[in-house]
Protein backbone atom coordinates (compact mmCIF):
# COMPACT_ATOMS: atom_id res chain seq x y z
CA MET A 1 20.38 30.65 -72.13
CA SER A 2 21.39 27.14 -71.17
CA ARG A 3 24.20 26.62 -68.76
CA VAL A 4 27.40 25.14 -70.14
CA ASP A 5 29.46 22.74 -68.06
CA PRO A 6 32.29 24.83 -66.54
CA ALA A 7 34.73 22.04 -67.37
CA LYS A 8 34.21 22.86 -71.06
CA ARG A 9 35.60 26.33 -70.38
CA VAL A 10 38.70 24.72 -68.93
CA ASP A 11 38.92 22.35 -71.91
CA ALA A 12 38.92 25.35 -74.27
CA ILE A 13 41.93 27.07 -72.67
CA LEU A 14 44.81 25.01 -74.10
CA PRO A 15 43.50 24.88 -77.68
CA LEU A 16 42.99 28.66 -77.60
CA VAL A 17 46.50 29.14 -76.21
CA ALA A 18 47.80 26.89 -79.00
CA GLY A 19 46.20 29.19 -81.56
CA GLN A 20 43.31 27.04 -82.74
CA SER A 21 40.39 28.92 -84.30
CA GLN A 22 37.33 29.65 -82.21
CA ARG A 23 35.30 27.34 -84.48
CA ALA A 24 37.79 24.47 -84.05
CA VAL A 25 37.85 24.94 -80.29
CA ALA A 26 34.05 25.04 -80.17
CA GLU A 27 33.85 21.75 -82.08
CA SER A 28 36.48 20.09 -79.90
CA VAL A 29 34.78 21.00 -76.60
CA GLY A 30 31.22 20.53 -77.86
CA VAL A 31 29.82 24.06 -77.77
CA HIS A 32 28.58 26.54 -80.36
CA PRO A 33 31.19 29.02 -81.68
CA SER A 34 29.14 31.87 -80.22
CA THR A 35 29.76 30.34 -76.78
CA ILE A 36 33.51 30.66 -77.32
CA ARG A 37 33.02 34.30 -78.38
CA ALA A 38 30.98 34.93 -75.22
CA TRP A 39 33.69 33.36 -73.05
CA LEU A 40 36.28 35.60 -74.70
CA LYS A 41 34.25 38.59 -73.47
CA ASP A 42 34.13 37.24 -69.91
CA PRO A 43 36.91 38.91 -67.87
CA VAL A 44 37.28 35.90 -65.57
CA PHE A 45 37.79 33.51 -68.50
CA VAL A 46 40.12 35.95 -70.28
CA ARG A 47 42.23 36.34 -67.13
CA GLU A 48 42.66 32.57 -66.87
CA LEU A 49 43.42 32.32 -70.60
CA ASP A 50 46.01 35.10 -70.33
CA LEU A 51 47.69 33.43 -67.32
CA VAL A 52 48.14 30.19 -69.24
CA ARG A 53 49.23 32.05 -72.40
CA GLU A 54 51.86 33.95 -70.43
CA LEU A 55 53.14 30.74 -68.81
CA ALA A 56 53.26 28.95 -72.17
CA ALA A 57 55.20 31.87 -73.66
CA ARG A 58 57.71 31.84 -70.77
CA LYS A 59 58.06 28.06 -70.45
CA PRO A 60 56.80 26.50 -73.69
CA LEU A 61 58.47 23.16 -73.04
CA ASP A 62 57.57 22.87 -69.35
CA ALA A 63 54.54 20.59 -69.63
CA GLU A 64 54.47 19.99 -65.89
CA ALA A 65 54.16 23.71 -65.12
CA ILE A 66 51.40 24.08 -67.69
CA LEU A 67 49.50 21.09 -66.26
CA VAL A 68 49.78 22.51 -62.75
CA ALA A 69 48.50 25.84 -64.05
CA MET A 70 45.57 24.07 -65.74
CA ASP A 71 44.68 22.32 -62.47
CA GLU A 72 44.58 25.75 -60.81
CA VAL A 73 42.47 27.15 -63.67
CA GLN A 74 40.05 24.24 -63.27
CA ALA A 75 39.73 24.87 -59.55
CA ARG A 76 38.99 28.55 -60.14
CA LEU A 77 36.62 28.16 -63.10
CA CYS A 78 34.75 25.07 -61.93
CA GLY A 79 34.61 26.05 -58.30
CA SER A 80 33.84 23.78 -55.44
CA GLY A 81 31.16 25.80 -53.69
CA PRO A 82 27.54 24.93 -53.20
CA VAL A 83 25.28 24.15 -56.13
CA THR A 84 22.36 26.53 -56.58
CA VAL A 85 19.12 25.23 -58.01
CA VAL A 86 16.60 27.82 -59.15
CA ILE A 87 13.02 26.60 -59.26
CA PRO A 88 10.77 29.04 -61.08
CA PRO A 89 7.46 29.99 -59.46
CA GLY A 90 4.66 27.75 -60.65
CA ALA A 91 6.98 24.94 -61.72
CA SER A 92 5.24 21.59 -61.85
CA PRO A 93 6.27 18.87 -59.43
CA ARG A 94 7.86 17.00 -62.34
CA ARG A 95 9.89 20.08 -63.35
CA ARG A 96 10.97 20.66 -59.72
CA ARG A 97 12.17 17.04 -59.43
CA LYS A 98 14.10 17.37 -62.71
CA LEU A 99 15.80 20.60 -61.61
CA LEU A 100 16.69 19.15 -58.21
CA ALA A 101 18.05 15.96 -59.79
CA GLY A 102 20.24 18.08 -62.05
CA GLY A 103 21.56 20.00 -59.03
CA ILE A 104 22.29 16.79 -57.16
CA ALA A 105 24.11 15.37 -60.18
CA GLN A 106 26.18 18.55 -60.47
CA ALA A 107 27.11 18.41 -56.76
CA LEU A 108 28.11 14.75 -57.06
CA GLU A 109 30.22 15.52 -60.13
CA ARG A 110 32.02 18.26 -58.22
CA ALA A 111 32.57 15.96 -55.26
CA GLU A 112 34.14 13.38 -57.57
CA GLY A 113 36.59 15.98 -58.86
CA GLY A 114 34.71 17.05 -61.97
CA ALA A 115 34.78 13.64 -63.63
CA ARG A 116 33.28 13.92 -67.10
């Protein structure tokens, strides 16, 4: 299974809260619809989705509160901890360099605030 950019999970929250179909959300964030279904089975993602849904139900016109909540969701889902790079045994030097470069790019992206 390939790893999906955690920011895409954050990008899927508001369209799901707004009632868009899983297929439409998948197309808008650039993932396969089965990825959205998998996220909807993930208790961490569902908890974040439910928090934003509940806020939107209580304060549907308070865009500032919803944006603040989305910033918090992004911090929790995207994390700011260390990047882990797994190099399989027997990986060629070229493959090791590619995996490490990907890890470095991910760490730099996090350091820049998740710029896409």
